[in-house]
Amino acid sequence: MSTLDRAVLAERAMAVNRHLSRRPATSACVAFQLGAPSSYADAFRRLEQADIIDSRLADQLVRAAGFRSVVAHAYDALDMRRVHAAAVNGPADLRAFLAVLRDARVP
């Protein structure tokens, strides 16, 4: 990976972390009176069980939450193919999640 690529990756990672720090999944659980989840994965499962998001989207978001933890906490060495796949596919899943929240009725 070139120096430029590392700089771009670092910049993108900071942007993702900034956005993730807003914790929309956990806020959504509270807004829908689903309780306070213990993790992002728990939040997405609660939203799935309440029929707010479908199981396919929940599965994708749970996997993304796990990937985020690997990246943020450096649990494992990064698989650059997985990083690339997350960069390509992740935004669509996040947009789908945000669209569901936008259109959902809060009790």
Protein backbone atom coordinates (compact mmCIF):
# COMPACT_ATOMS: atom_id res chain seq x y z
CA MET A 1 0.00 0.00 0.00
CA SER A 2 1.46 3.38 -0.96
CA THR A 3 1.77 6.33 1.43
CA LEU A 4 -1.11 8.05 -0.35
CA ASP A 5 -3.33 5.00 0.02
CA ARG A 6 -2.58 4.84 3.75
CA ALA A 7 -3.43 8.52 4.14
CA VAL A 8 -6.71 8.08 2.29
CA LEU A 9 -7.57 5.00 4.35
CA ALA A 10 -6.76 6.85 7.59
CA GLU A 11 -8.92 9.80 6.55
CA ARG A 12 -11.84 7.52 5.65
CA ALA A 13 -11.48 5.59 8.90
CA MET A 14 -11.66 8.83 10.89
CA ALA A 15 -14.80 9.86 9.01
CA VAL A 16 -16.45 6.49 9.66
CA ASN A 17 -15.56 6.66 13.35
CA ARG A 18 -16.99 10.20 13.59
CA HIS A 19 -20.26 9.03 12.08
CA LEU A 20 -20.40 5.85 14.14
CA SER A 21 -19.84 7.81 17.34
CA ARG A 22 -23.30 9.27 16.88
CA ARG A 23 -24.68 5.76 17.59
CA PRO A 24 -27.90 5.89 15.51
CA ALA A 25 -28.70 2.22 16.13
CA THR A 26 -28.72 2.54 19.91
CA SER A 27 -30.65 5.84 19.75
CA ALA A 28 -33.21 4.15 17.51
CA CYS A 29 -33.71 1.38 20.07
CA VAL A 30 -34.43 3.92 22.77
CA ALA A 31 -36.77 5.89 20.48
CA PHE A 32 -38.70 2.72 19.63
CA GLN A 33 -38.83 1.76 23.32
CA LEU A 34 -36.77 -1.39 22.76
CA GLY A 35 -34.47 -0.82 25.70
CA ALA A 36 -30.81 0.09 25.78
CA PRO A 37 -28.73 -2.38 23.73
CA SER A 38 -25.35 -3.53 24.94
CA SER A 39 -23.72 -3.28 21.50
CA TYR A 40 -24.37 -2.30 17.91
CA ALA A 41 -25.10 -5.94 17.07
CA ASP A 42 -27.62 -6.12 19.92
CA ALA A 43 -29.23 -2.90 18.67
CA PHE A 44 -29.67 -4.28 15.15
CA ARG A 45 -31.11 -7.55 16.49
CA ARG A 46 -33.59 -5.65 18.68
CA LEU A 47 -34.68 -3.60 15.67
CA GLU A 48 -35.05 -6.82 13.67
CA GLN A 49 -37.13 -8.53 16.40
CA ALA A 50 -39.41 -5.48 16.50
CA ASP A 51 -39.90 -5.78 12.70
CA ILE A 52 -38.36 -2.37 12.12
CA ILE A 53 -35.60 -3.75 9.89
CA ASP A 54 -35.69 -7.01 7.96
CA SER A 55 -33.45 -9.96 8.78
CA ARG A 56 -31.23 -9.55 5.69
CA LEU A 57 -30.41 -5.95 6.62
CA ALA A 58 -29.97 -6.88 10.29
CA ASP A 59 -27.51 -9.63 9.32
CA GLN A 60 -25.52 -7.23 7.13
CA LEU A 61 -25.42 -4.58 9.85
CA VAL A 62 -24.42 -7.10 12.55
CA ARG A 63 -21.53 -8.21 10.33
CA ALA A 64 -20.59 -4.56 9.76
CA ALA A 65 -20.62 -3.96 13.52
CA GLY A 66 -18.27 -6.91 14.01
CA PHE A 67 -15.99 -5.61 11.29
CA ARG A 68 -16.02 -2.17 12.87
CA SER A 69 -14.90 -3.70 16.16
CA VAL A 70 -12.04 -5.55 14.46
CA VAL A 71 -10.88 -2.32 12.79
CA ALA A 72 -11.40 -0.04 15.79
CA HIS A 73 -9.84 -2.33 18.38
CA ALA A 74 -7.29 -4.09 16.17
CA TYR A 75 -8.42 -7.54 17.31
CA ASP A 76 -7.00 -9.17 14.19
CA ALA A 77 -4.78 -8.27 11.29
CA LEU A 78 -6.82 -6.49 8.65
CA ASP A 79 -7.82 -8.45 5.58
CA MET A 80 -7.63 -5.81 2.86
CA ARG A 81 -10.12 -7.74 0.70
CA ARG A 82 -12.63 -7.45 3.53
CA VAL A 83 -11.83 -3.75 3.94
CA HIS A 84 -12.44 -3.24 0.21
CA ALA A 85 -15.72 -5.20 0.31
CA ALA A 86 -16.89 -3.15 3.31
CA ALA A 87 -16.02 0.08 1.52
CA VAL A 88 -17.91 -1.00 -1.59
CA ASN A 89 -20.97 -2.63 0.01
CA GLY A 90 -21.25 -0.95 3.40
CA PRO A 91 -22.60 2.43 2.34
CA ALA A 92 -25.64 0.85 0.67
CA ASP A 93 -26.47 -1.06 3.85
CA LEU A 94 -26.11 2.09 5.94
CA ARG A 95 -28.28 4.06 3.51
CA ALA A 96 -30.93 1.32 3.66
CA PHE A 97 -30.83 1.39 7.47
CA LEU A 98 -31.16 5.18 7.56
CA ALA A 99 -34.06 5.05 5.08
CA VAL A 100 -35.89 2.56 7.29
CA LEU A 101 -35.38 4.79 10.32
CA ARG A 102 -36.53 7.83 8.36
CA ASP A 103 -39.76 6.11 7.33
CA ALA A 104 -40.49 4.25 10.58
CA ARG A 105 -43.12 5.44 12.99
CA VAL A 106 -41.85 6.04 16.48
CA PRO A 107 -44.36 5.06 19.19
